[in-house]
Amino acid sequence: MQLGSPVTPSLESCQSLVLNADYRPLSYFPLSLWPWQDSIKAVFMDRVDIVSVYDRQVHSPTVSLQLPSVVALKNYVPPAQHPAFTRFNVFLRDHFCCQYCGSPNELTFDHLIPRSRGGRTTWANVVTACSPCNLAKAGSLEDECGMHPRLRPRRPTVSDLQKNGRAFPPNHLHESWHDFLYWDSELEP
C-alpha cells in the first residue's frame, strides 16, 4: 500500500445505519445497524432507499453496487409503545449507574421490595445497583436499611430510553451517520 492512498474499509466494518421512513434511526440504543449483506438484500427487494454509501463496492457477475452506509425504510414502522422489561433497559433507564451510590461498576439490579417479601420483578420495583450496595441492602426494605434510590423507579417510554441512549454512543460512528443521529434532539437556546 502506498502512503497517502485511501484505506478501503473491510466488508465487516461496512454496516448500514437503518432509518425509519421519517429518516430517524429505528433505535438509538442499541443503534439500528444492519450488516452489509442485509442492506444489499433490502435494496434488491425494494424495501429501502439508499441515502448514503461507502467508498466500497461489491460485485456480482452482472451488477456492481456501492455499499450503503445509510438506508431508509420505504414503509414507516411505528415505534413500540412500551420498551421490553430487560436488564439492559433497566440499566439504560438508570443511566448505567447504581441508584444508591452512583457507581457505574459491577452493576446488577435490586428489588426495592425484596422478592423474599413478595416483591415482584417490575419496572416500579427494580433499580440498578452495584454489587456492594445490593449486598448491603440484602433482603431489607429501603426504610429499614436507610438506602433510598436516587430516582424512583418507573416504567420508561421508548423516548426516555432513546434519550438516555444518546449519552452512550457506540464506539464507531461512520461520518455519513452523523447527519441522522441526534437531529431530533432539542436545541440549546
N, C-alpha and C. Protein backbone atom coordinates (compact mmCIF):
# COMPACT_ATOMS: atom_id res chain seq x y z
N MET A 1 0.85 -1.19 0.00
CA MET A 1 0.00 0.00 0.00
C MET A 1 0.89 1.24 0.00
N GLN A 2 0.54 2.22 -0.81
CA GLN A 2 1.31 3.45 -0.88
C GLN A 2 0.85 4.41 0.21
N LEU A 3 1.81 5.23 0.66
CA LEU A 3 1.45 6.26 1.63
C LEU A 3 0.50 7.25 0.99
N GLY A 4 -0.48 7.68 1.74
CA GLY A 4 -1.43 8.67 1.25
C GLY A 4 -2.58 8.09 0.46
N SER A 5 -2.54 6.79 0.16
CA SER A 5 -3.67 6.20 -0.56
C SER A 5 -4.80 5.91 0.42
N PRO A 6 -6.05 6.04 -0.02
CA PRO A 6 -7.17 5.81 0.89
C PRO A 6 -7.22 4.34 1.32
N VAL A 7 -7.65 4.13 2.55
CA VAL A 7 -7.79 2.78 3.09
C VAL A 7 -9.18 2.28 2.73
N THR A 8 -9.24 1.12 2.12
CA THR A 8 -10.53 0.53 1.77
C THR A 8 -11.09 -0.15 3.01
N PRO A 9 -12.31 0.21 3.42
CA PRO A 9 -12.87 -0.41 4.63
C PRO A 9 -13.15 -1.90 4.39
N SER A 10 -12.99 -2.70 5.44
CA SER A 10 -13.31 -4.11 5.32
C SER A 10 -14.82 -4.27 5.18
N LEU A 11 -15.23 -5.35 4.56
CA LEU A 11 -16.67 -5.58 4.41
C LEU A 11 -17.36 -5.65 5.77
N GLU A 12 -16.72 -6.29 6.74
CA GLU A 12 -17.34 -6.43 8.07
C GLU A 12 -17.59 -5.08 8.74
N SER A 13 -16.79 -4.07 8.40
CA SER A 13 -16.97 -2.75 9.01
C SER A 13 -18.00 -1.90 8.28
N CYS A 14 -18.55 -2.41 7.20
CA CYS A 14 -19.49 -1.62 6.38
C CYS A 14 -20.94 -1.89 6.76
N GLN A 15 -21.27 -1.63 8.01
CA GLN A 15 -22.66 -1.75 8.44
C GLN A 15 -23.44 -0.55 7.93
N SER A 16 -24.74 -0.73 7.82
CA SER A 16 -25.61 0.37 7.39
C SER A 16 -26.46 0.85 8.56
N LEU A 17 -26.50 2.16 8.73
CA LEU A 17 -27.43 2.76 9.68
C LEU A 17 -28.81 2.65 9.06
N VAL A 18 -29.78 2.13 9.82
CA VAL A 18 -31.13 1.92 9.30
C VAL A 18 -32.05 3.01 9.86
N LEU A 19 -32.64 3.77 8.94
CA LEU A 19 -33.57 4.83 9.31
C LEU A 19 -34.99 4.38 9.02
N ASN A 20 -35.91 4.88 9.81
CA ASN A 20 -37.32 4.65 9.52
C ASN A 20 -37.68 5.52 8.31
N ALA A 21 -38.89 5.42 7.84
CA ALA A 21 -39.32 6.20 6.68
C ALA A 21 -39.32 7.70 6.98
N ASP A 22 -39.32 8.09 8.26
CA ASP A 22 -39.25 9.50 8.62
C ASP A 22 -37.81 9.98 8.80
N TYR A 23 -36.85 9.14 8.44
CA TYR A 23 -35.41 9.43 8.47
C TYR A 23 -34.86 9.58 9.89
N ARG A 24 -35.51 8.95 10.84
CA ARG A 24 -34.97 8.82 12.19
C ARG A 24 -34.50 7.39 12.37
N PRO A 25 -33.43 7.17 13.13
CA PRO A 25 -33.00 5.78 13.35
C PRO A 25 -34.13 4.95 13.97
N LEU A 26 -34.20 3.68 13.57
CA LEU A 26 -35.20 2.79 14.17
C LEU A 26 -34.99 2.72 15.67
N SER A 27 -33.74 2.70 16.11
CA SER A 27 -33.44 2.76 17.54
C SER A 27 -32.08 3.43 17.71
N TYR A 28 -31.91 4.05 18.85
CA TYR A 28 -30.64 4.70 19.16
C TYR A 28 -29.75 3.80 19.99
N PHE A 29 -30.35 3.01 20.85
CA PHE A 29 -29.54 2.18 21.74
C PHE A 29 -30.25 0.88 21.98
N PRO A 30 -29.84 -0.19 21.40
CA PRO A 30 -28.69 -0.24 20.50
C PRO A 30 -29.02 0.45 19.18
N LEU A 31 -28.01 1.00 18.58
CA LEU A 31 -28.17 1.70 17.32
C LEU A 31 -28.63 0.72 16.25
N SER A 32 -29.61 1.14 15.45
CA SER A 32 -30.16 0.26 14.42
C SER A 32 -29.18 0.15 13.26
N LEU A 33 -28.46 -0.96 13.24
CA LEU A 33 -27.45 -1.23 12.22
C LEU A 33 -27.71 -2.58 11.59
N TRP A 34 -27.47 -2.65 10.29
CA TRP A 34 -27.57 -3.93 9.57
C TRP A 34 -26.21 -4.25 8.99
N PRO A 35 -25.86 -5.54 8.92
CA PRO A 35 -24.66 -5.92 8.17
C PRO A 35 -24.86 -5.60 6.69
N TRP A 36 -23.77 -5.44 5.96
CA TRP A 36 -23.87 -5.03 4.57
C TRP A 36 -24.72 -5.99 3.75
N GLN A 37 -24.69 -7.29 4.08
CA GLN A 37 -25.46 -8.26 3.31
C GLN A 37 -26.97 -7.99 3.42
N ASP A 38 -27.44 -7.66 4.64
CA ASP A 38 -28.86 -7.38 4.84
C ASP A 38 -29.28 -6.11 4.10
N SER A 39 -28.38 -5.12 4.08
CA SER A 39 -28.69 -3.88 3.37
C SER A 39 -28.82 -4.11 1.88
N ILE A 40 -27.89 -4.88 1.31
CA ILE A 40 -27.93 -5.18 -0.12
C ILE A 40 -29.21 -5.95 -0.46
N LYS A 41 -29.54 -6.93 0.37
CA LYS A 41 -30.77 -7.70 0.14
C LYS A 41 -32.00 -6.79 0.17
N ALA A 42 -32.05 -5.88 1.15
CA ALA A 42 -33.19 -4.96 1.26
C ALA A 42 -33.28 -4.03 0.05
N VAL A 43 -32.12 -3.63 -0.49
CA VAL A 43 -32.10 -2.79 -1.69
C VAL A 43 -32.72 -3.55 -2.86
N PHE A 44 -32.29 -4.78 -3.06
CA PHE A 44 -32.80 -5.57 -4.18
C PHE A 44 -34.26 -5.97 -4.00
N MET A 45 -34.72 -6.04 -2.76
CA MET A 45 -36.14 -6.36 -2.52
C MET A 45 -36.99 -5.09 -2.52
N ASP A 46 -36.36 -3.94 -2.79
CA ASP A 46 -37.03 -2.65 -2.88
C ASP A 46 -37.73 -2.26 -1.57
N ARG A 47 -37.10 -2.59 -0.45
CA ARG A 47 -37.65 -2.25 0.87
C ARG A 47 -37.04 -0.98 1.44
N VAL A 48 -35.90 -0.56 0.89
CA VAL A 48 -35.19 0.61 1.41
C VAL A 48 -34.73 1.50 0.27
N ASP A 49 -34.48 2.76 0.61
CA ASP A 49 -33.80 3.69 -0.28
C ASP A 49 -32.39 3.87 0.26
N ILE A 50 -31.41 3.93 -0.63
CA ILE A 50 -30.04 4.21 -0.22
C ILE A 50 -29.91 5.71 -0.03
N VAL A 51 -29.45 6.11 1.15
CA VAL A 51 -29.31 7.52 1.48
C VAL A 51 -27.86 7.96 1.35
N SER A 52 -26.94 7.09 1.73
CA SER A 52 -25.51 7.40 1.66
C SER A 52 -24.76 6.09 1.43
N VAL A 53 -23.56 6.19 0.84
CA VAL A 53 -22.80 4.98 0.51
C VAL A 53 -21.36 5.09 1.03
N TYR A 54 -20.76 3.91 1.18
CA TYR A 54 -19.33 3.82 1.49
C TYR A 54 -18.54 3.95 0.18
N ASP A 55 -17.26 4.19 0.32
CA ASP A 55 -16.37 4.21 -0.83
C ASP A 55 -15.88 2.77 -1.05
N ARG A 56 -16.84 1.87 -1.22
CA ARG A 56 -16.55 0.44 -1.38
C ARG A 56 -17.67 -0.18 -2.20
N GLN A 57 -17.31 -1.04 -3.11
CA GLN A 57 -18.31 -1.70 -3.96
C GLN A 57 -18.29 -3.21 -3.73
N VAL A 58 -19.42 -3.82 -4.03
CA VAL A 58 -19.49 -5.28 -4.12
C VAL A 58 -19.91 -5.60 -5.55
N HIS A 59 -19.49 -6.77 -6.00
CA HIS A 59 -19.73 -7.13 -7.40
C HIS A 59 -20.36 -8.51 -7.48
N SER A 60 -21.25 -8.65 -8.44
CA SER A 60 -21.76 -9.96 -8.85
C SER A 60 -21.36 -10.08 -10.32
N PRO A 61 -21.65 -11.18 -10.94
CA PRO A 61 -21.29 -11.28 -12.37
C PRO A 61 -21.95 -10.22 -13.24
N THR A 62 -23.10 -9.70 -12.80
CA THR A 62 -23.82 -8.75 -13.67
C THR A 62 -24.00 -7.35 -13.07
N VAL A 63 -23.71 -7.18 -11.77
CA VAL A 63 -24.01 -5.90 -11.12
C VAL A 63 -22.85 -5.49 -10.21
N SER A 64 -22.57 -4.19 -10.20
CA SER A 64 -21.66 -3.59 -9.21
C SER A 64 -22.48 -2.59 -8.42
N LEU A 65 -22.32 -2.60 -7.11
CA LEU A 65 -23.12 -1.72 -6.26
C LEU A 65 -22.25 -1.19 -5.13
N GLN A 66 -22.32 0.13 -4.91
CA GLN A 66 -21.63 0.70 -3.75
C GLN A 66 -22.37 0.27 -2.50
N LEU A 67 -21.62 -0.05 -1.46
CA LEU A 67 -22.24 -0.49 -0.21
C LEU A 67 -22.95 0.67 0.47
N PRO A 68 -24.19 0.48 0.86
CA PRO A 68 -24.92 1.54 1.56
C PRO A 68 -24.38 1.76 2.97
N SER A 69 -24.17 3.00 3.34
CA SER A 69 -23.80 3.31 4.72
C SER A 69 -25.03 3.76 5.52
N VAL A 70 -26.03 4.31 4.81
CA VAL A 70 -27.29 4.70 5.43
C VAL A 70 -28.42 4.29 4.50
N VAL A 71 -29.41 3.59 5.06
CA VAL A 71 -30.60 3.23 4.29
C VAL A 71 -31.84 3.70 5.05
N ALA A 72 -32.89 4.01 4.31
CA ALA A 72 -34.16 4.41 4.90
C ALA A 72 -35.24 3.45 4.44
N LEU A 73 -36.02 2.96 5.38
CA LEU A 73 -37.12 2.07 5.05
C LEU A 73 -38.14 2.83 4.19
N LYS A 74 -38.74 2.13 3.26
CA LYS A 74 -39.78 2.76 2.42
C LYS A 74 -41.11 2.81 3.15
N ASN A 75 -41.34 1.86 4.06
CA ASN A 75 -42.58 1.84 4.84
C ASN A 75 -42.28 2.16 6.30
N TYR A 76 -43.04 3.08 6.85
CA TYR A 76 -42.84 3.50 8.24
C TYR A 76 -43.18 2.37 9.20
N VAL A 77 -42.31 2.16 10.17
CA VAL A 77 -42.54 1.17 11.22
C VAL A 77 -42.83 1.94 12.51
N PRO A 78 -44.07 1.86 13.02
CA PRO A 78 -44.37 2.59 14.26
C PRO A 78 -43.51 2.08 15.41
N PRO A 79 -42.97 3.00 16.22
CA PRO A 79 -42.16 2.55 17.35
C PRO A 79 -43.04 1.83 18.38
N ALA A 80 -42.42 0.95 19.13
CA ALA A 80 -43.14 0.26 20.21
C ALA A 80 -43.63 1.28 21.22
N GLN A 81 -44.80 1.04 21.78
CA GLN A 81 -45.34 1.95 22.78
C GLN A 81 -44.57 1.86 24.09
N HIS A 82 -44.21 0.64 24.46
CA HIS A 82 -43.52 0.43 25.73
C HIS A 82 -42.32 -0.47 25.51
N PRO A 83 -41.18 -0.10 26.07
CA PRO A 83 -39.99 -0.94 25.88
C PRO A 83 -40.11 -2.25 26.66
N ALA A 84 -39.38 -3.25 26.19
CA ALA A 84 -39.36 -4.54 26.88
C ALA A 84 -38.68 -4.38 28.24
N PHE A 85 -39.15 -5.14 29.20
CA PHE A 85 -38.53 -5.13 30.53
C PHE A 85 -37.35 -6.09 30.49
N THR A 86 -36.15 -5.53 30.31
CA THR A 86 -34.92 -6.32 30.27
C THR A 86 -33.90 -5.69 31.22
N ARG A 87 -32.93 -6.47 31.60
CA ARG A 87 -31.85 -5.96 32.46
C ARG A 87 -31.18 -4.76 31.78
N PHE A 88 -30.89 -4.90 30.49
CA PHE A 88 -30.25 -3.82 29.75
C PHE A 88 -31.09 -2.54 29.80
N ASN A 89 -32.40 -2.66 29.57
CA ASN A 89 -33.26 -1.47 29.58
C ASN A 89 -33.39 -0.86 30.98
N VAL A 90 -33.33 -1.68 32.03
CA VAL A 90 -33.31 -1.13 33.39
C VAL A 90 -32.03 -0.32 33.58
N PHE A 91 -30.89 -0.88 33.16
CA PHE A 91 -29.62 -0.15 33.27
C PHE A 91 -29.68 1.15 32.47
N LEU A 92 -30.23 1.08 31.27
CA LEU A 92 -30.33 2.27 30.42
C LEU A 92 -31.23 3.32 31.06
N ARG A 93 -32.37 2.89 31.58
CA ARG A 93 -33.28 3.83 32.28
C ARG A 93 -32.54 4.55 33.40
N ASP A 94 -31.69 3.80 34.12
CA ASP A 94 -30.97 4.33 35.28
C ASP A 94 -29.59 4.87 34.93
N HIS A 95 -29.34 5.10 33.65
CA HIS A 95 -28.09 5.70 33.15
C HIS A 95 -26.85 4.89 33.51
N PHE A 96 -26.99 3.57 33.60
CA PHE A 96 -25.87 2.68 33.89
C PHE A 96 -25.13 3.09 35.17
N CYS A 97 -25.89 3.53 36.18
CA CYS A 97 -25.33 3.91 37.48
C CYS A 97 -26.14 3.30 38.60
N CYS A 98 -25.45 2.89 39.65
CA CYS A 98 -26.12 2.41 40.85
C CYS A 98 -27.03 3.51 41.38
N GLN A 99 -28.25 3.16 41.66
CA GLN A 99 -29.21 4.15 42.15
C GLN A 99 -29.05 4.45 43.63
N TYR A 100 -28.13 3.77 44.30
CA TYR A 100 -27.86 4.05 45.70
C TYR A 100 -26.60 4.90 45.87
N CYS A 101 -25.52 4.55 45.16
CA CYS A 101 -24.25 5.27 45.37
C CYS A 101 -23.73 5.98 44.12
N GLY A 102 -24.29 5.68 42.96
CA GLY A 102 -23.87 6.32 41.72
C GLY A 102 -22.75 5.61 40.98
N SER A 103 -22.25 4.51 41.49
CA SER A 103 -21.14 3.79 40.85
C SER A 103 -21.60 3.17 39.52
N PRO A 104 -20.71 3.21 38.49
CA PRO A 104 -21.02 2.54 37.23
C PRO A 104 -20.45 1.12 37.16
N ASN A 105 -19.88 0.64 38.26
CA ASN A 105 -19.17 -0.65 38.26
C ASN A 105 -19.99 -1.78 38.87
N GLU A 106 -19.73 -3.00 38.41
CA GLU A 106 -20.32 -4.22 38.95
C GLU A 106 -21.84 -4.12 39.06
N LEU A 107 -22.49 -3.70 37.98
CA LEU A 107 -23.93 -3.46 38.04
C LEU A 107 -24.75 -4.74 38.00
N THR A 108 -25.80 -4.71 38.79
CA THR A 108 -26.81 -5.75 38.82
C THR A 108 -28.12 -5.01 39.05
N PHE A 109 -29.17 -5.70 39.45
CA PHE A 109 -30.36 -4.94 39.82
C PHE A 109 -30.87 -5.40 41.17
N ASP A 110 -31.62 -4.50 41.80
CA ASP A 110 -32.12 -4.72 43.14
C ASP A 110 -33.63 -4.52 43.16
N HIS A 111 -34.30 -5.34 43.95
CA HIS A 111 -35.74 -5.20 44.16
C HIS A 111 -35.95 -4.31 45.38
N LEU A 112 -36.68 -3.19 45.23
CA LEU A 112 -36.95 -2.32 46.38
C LEU A 112 -37.70 -3.10 47.45
N ILE A 113 -38.74 -3.78 47.06
CA ILE A 113 -39.40 -4.73 47.96
C ILE A 113 -38.82 -6.08 47.57
N PRO A 114 -37.98 -6.67 48.43
CA PRO A 114 -37.30 -7.91 48.06
C PRO A 114 -38.28 -9.02 47.67
N ARG A 115 -37.83 -9.87 46.78
CA ARG A 115 -38.66 -10.99 46.34
C ARG A 115 -39.03 -11.88 47.53
N SER A 116 -38.12 -11.95 48.51
CA SER A 116 -38.41 -12.77 49.70
C SER A 116 -39.57 -12.22 50.52
N ARG A 117 -39.94 -10.96 50.24
CA ARG A 117 -41.06 -10.33 50.94
C ARG A 117 -42.23 -10.08 50.01
N GLY A 118 -42.23 -10.78 48.89
CA GLY A 118 -43.36 -10.66 47.97
C GLY A 118 -43.17 -9.63 46.87
N GLY A 119 -41.99 -9.02 46.79
CA GLY A 119 -41.74 -8.04 45.74
C GLY A 119 -41.69 -8.70 44.37
N ARG A 120 -42.14 -7.98 43.39
CA ARG A 120 -42.19 -8.52 42.03
C ARG A 120 -41.10 -7.89 41.17
N THR A 121 -40.77 -8.55 40.10
CA THR A 121 -39.76 -8.04 39.17
C THR A 121 -40.50 -7.21 38.12
N THR A 122 -40.67 -5.93 38.45
CA THR A 122 -41.40 -5.00 37.58
C THR A 122 -40.61 -3.69 37.49
N TRP A 123 -40.98 -2.87 36.50
CA TRP A 123 -40.33 -1.56 36.35
C TRP A 123 -40.38 -0.76 37.65
N ALA A 124 -41.51 -0.81 38.35
CA ALA A 124 -41.70 0.03 39.53
C ALA A 124 -41.00 -0.52 40.78
N ASN A 125 -40.47 -1.74 40.72
CA ASN A 125 -39.84 -2.32 41.91
C ASN A 125 -38.37 -2.66 41.72
N VAL A 126 -37.81 -2.42 40.54
CA VAL A 126 -36.42 -2.80 40.27
C VAL A 126 -35.60 -1.56 39.93
N VAL A 127 -34.41 -1.47 40.53
CA VAL A 127 -33.46 -0.40 40.21
C VAL A 127 -32.09 -1.01 39.94
N THR A 128 -31.27 -0.25 39.23
CA THR A 128 -29.88 -0.65 39.00
C THR A 128 -29.12 -0.44 40.31
N ALA A 129 -28.31 -1.44 40.68
CA ALA A 129 -27.50 -1.36 41.89
C ALA A 129 -26.14 -1.99 41.61
N CYS A 130 -25.12 -1.47 42.26
CA CYS A 130 -23.81 -2.11 42.18
C CYS A 130 -23.83 -3.29 43.16
N SER A 131 -22.95 -4.23 42.94
CA SER A 131 -22.94 -5.42 43.80
C SER A 131 -22.76 -5.08 45.28
N PRO A 132 -21.82 -4.17 45.65
CA PRO A 132 -21.68 -3.85 47.08
C PRO A 132 -22.97 -3.29 47.70
N CYS A 133 -23.66 -2.40 46.99
CA CYS A 133 -24.91 -1.84 47.54
C CYS A 133 -25.99 -2.91 47.59
N ASN A 134 -26.04 -3.76 46.58
CA ASN A 134 -27.04 -4.82 46.57
C ASN A 134 -26.82 -5.76 47.76
N LEU A 135 -25.56 -6.10 48.03
CA LEU A 135 -25.25 -6.96 49.17
C LEU A 135 -25.56 -6.25 50.49
N ALA A 136 -25.27 -4.94 50.57
CA ALA A 136 -25.53 -4.19 51.81
C ALA A 136 -27.03 -4.09 52.09
N LYS A 137 -27.83 -3.89 51.05
CA LYS A 137 -29.27 -3.79 51.24
C LYS A 137 -29.87 -5.16 51.54
N ALA A 138 -29.34 -6.18 50.89
CA ALA A 138 -29.77 -7.57 51.09
C ALA A 138 -31.29 -7.68 51.01
N GLY A 139 -31.92 -8.28 52.00
CA GLY A 139 -33.37 -8.50 51.98
C GLY A 139 -34.14 -7.44 52.73
N SER A 140 -33.53 -6.28 52.94
CA SER A 140 -34.19 -5.22 53.70
C SER A 140 -35.05 -4.33 52.81
N LEU A 141 -36.04 -3.70 53.43
CA LEU A 141 -36.78 -2.63 52.75
C LEU A 141 -35.93 -1.37 52.84
N GLU A 142 -36.15 -0.43 51.93
CA GLU A 142 -35.30 0.76 51.91
C GLU A 142 -35.35 1.56 53.21
N ASP A 143 -36.50 1.64 53.86
CA ASP A 143 -36.58 2.38 55.14
C ASP A 143 -35.86 1.66 56.27
N GLU A 144 -35.80 0.35 56.21
CA GLU A 144 -35.12 -0.42 57.25
C GLU A 144 -33.61 -0.24 57.22
N CYS A 145 -33.06 -0.12 56.01
CA CYS A 145 -31.60 -0.01 55.90
C CYS A 145 -31.14 1.41 55.57
N GLY A 146 -32.07 2.33 55.34
CA GLY A 146 -31.71 3.72 55.03
C GLY A 146 -31.15 3.92 53.63
N MET A 147 -31.36 2.95 52.77
CA MET A 147 -30.87 3.07 51.39
C MET A 147 -32.05 3.37 50.48
N HIS A 148 -32.04 4.59 49.93
CA HIS A 148 -33.13 5.03 49.06
C HIS A 148 -32.57 5.31 47.67
N PRO A 149 -33.26 4.87 46.63
CA PRO A 149 -32.75 5.13 45.27
C PRO A 149 -32.79 6.63 44.96
N ARG A 150 -31.84 7.05 44.16
CA ARG A 150 -31.76 8.45 43.75
C ARG A 150 -32.99 8.89 42.97
N LEU A 151 -33.49 8.00 42.12
CA LEU A 151 -34.71 8.25 41.36
C LEU A 151 -35.69 7.12 41.63
N ARG A 152 -36.96 7.47 41.77
CA ARG A 152 -37.98 6.43 41.97
C ARG A 152 -38.12 5.64 40.67
N PRO A 153 -38.12 4.35 40.75
CA PRO A 153 -38.24 3.57 39.52
C PRO A 153 -39.64 3.69 38.91
N ARG A 154 -39.66 3.71 37.59
CA ARG A 154 -40.92 3.77 36.86
C ARG A 154 -40.71 3.14 35.50
N ARG A 155 -41.81 2.80 34.85
CA ARG A 155 -41.70 2.25 33.50
C ARG A 155 -41.37 3.39 32.55
N PRO A 156 -40.25 3.29 31.84
CA PRO A 156 -39.87 4.36 30.91
C PRO A 156 -40.64 4.24 29.60
N THR A 157 -40.63 5.31 28.85
CA THR A 157 -41.16 5.26 27.49
C THR A 157 -40.00 4.92 26.55
N VAL A 158 -40.33 4.55 25.33
CA VAL A 158 -39.30 4.31 24.33
C VAL A 158 -38.49 5.58 24.15
N SER A 159 -39.16 6.71 24.15
CA SER A 159 -38.48 8.00 24.00
C SER A 159 -37.48 8.24 25.14
N ASP A 160 -37.87 7.89 26.37
CA ASP A 160 -36.94 8.03 27.52
C ASP A 160 -35.66 7.24 27.27
N LEU A 161 -35.82 6.00 26.83
CA LEU A 161 -34.65 5.15 26.63
C LEU A 161 -33.80 5.64 25.46
N GLN A 162 -34.46 6.15 24.40
CA GLN A 162 -33.69 6.69 23.28
C GLN A 162 -32.90 7.92 23.73
N LYS A 163 -33.52 8.76 24.52
CA LYS A 163 -32.83 9.95 25.03
C LYS A 163 -31.64 9.54 25.89
N ASN A 164 -31.84 8.59 26.77
CA ASN A 164 -30.74 8.13 27.62
C ASN A 164 -29.64 7.47 26.78
N GLY A 165 -30.03 6.73 25.76
CA GLY A 165 -29.07 6.03 24.93
C GLY A 165 -28.15 6.96 24.16
N ARG A 166 -28.58 8.17 23.89
CA ARG A 166 -27.74 9.13 23.17
C ARG A 166 -26.50 9.50 23.96
N ALA A 167 -26.55 9.32 25.27
CA ALA A 167 -25.39 9.62 26.13
C ALA A 167 -24.33 8.52 26.04
N PHE A 168 -24.65 7.40 25.40
CA PHE A 168 -23.75 6.27 25.32
C PHE A 168 -23.57 5.85 23.85
N PRO A 169 -22.92 6.71 23.03
CA PRO A 169 -22.80 6.36 21.61
C PRO A 169 -21.93 5.13 21.41
N PRO A 170 -22.15 4.42 20.31
CA PRO A 170 -21.29 3.27 20.03
C PRO A 170 -19.85 3.72 19.81
N ASN A 171 -18.95 2.76 19.85
CA ASN A 171 -17.52 3.08 19.71
C ASN A 171 -17.18 3.66 18.34
N HIS A 172 -17.91 3.25 17.32
CA HIS A 172 -17.59 3.72 15.97
C HIS A 172 -18.85 4.28 15.32
N LEU A 173 -18.76 5.53 14.89
CA LEU A 173 -19.85 6.14 14.12
C LEU A 173 -19.27 6.58 12.79
N HIS A 174 -19.76 6.00 11.72
CA HIS A 174 -19.28 6.42 10.40
C HIS A 174 -19.71 7.85 10.15
N GLU A 175 -18.86 8.61 9.47
CA GLU A 175 -19.15 10.04 9.23
C GLU A 175 -20.48 10.25 8.53
N SER A 176 -20.89 9.33 7.68
CA SER A 176 -22.16 9.51 6.96
C SER A 176 -23.37 9.36 7.87
N TRP A 177 -23.18 8.86 9.09
CA TRP A 177 -24.30 8.66 10.01
C TRP A 177 -24.62 9.92 10.82
N HIS A 178 -23.65 10.80 10.96
CA HIS A 178 -23.79 11.94 11.88
C HIS A 178 -25.01 12.81 11.59
N ASP A 179 -25.33 13.00 10.32
CA ASP A 179 -26.47 13.85 9.98
C ASP A 179 -27.81 13.24 10.42
N PHE A 180 -27.83 11.95 10.70
CA PHE A 180 -29.09 11.28 11.01
C PHE A 180 -29.22 10.91 12.47
N LEU A 181 -28.16 11.07 13.23
CA LEU A 181 -28.21 10.80 14.66
C LEU A 181 -28.34 12.12 15.39
N TYR A 182 -29.25 12.20 16.28
CA TYR A 182 -29.40 13.37 17.14
C TYR A 182 -30.02 14.57 16.47
N TRP A 183 -30.48 14.49 15.21
CA TRP A 183 -31.09 15.65 14.58
C TRP A 183 -32.43 15.99 15.20
N ASP A 184 -33.01 15.04 15.92
CA ASP A 184 -34.29 15.32 16.58
C ASP A 184 -34.09 15.72 18.03
N SER A 185 -32.83 15.98 18.42
CA SER A 185 -32.55 16.45 19.78
C SER A 185 -32.98 17.89 19.93
N GLU A 186 -33.35 18.24 21.15
CA GLU A 186 -33.75 19.61 21.42
C GLU A 186 -32.52 20.50 21.38
N LEU A 187 -32.64 21.64 20.72
CA LEU A 187 -31.51 22.55 20.58
C LEU A 187 -31.42 23.48 21.77
N GLU A 188 -30.19 23.85 22.10
CA GLU A 188 -29.95 24.80 23.19
C GLU A 188 -30.37 26.20 22.72
N PRO A 189 -30.92 27.03 23.62
CA PRO A 189 -31.32 28.38 23.20
C PRO A 189 -30.12 29.28 22.93
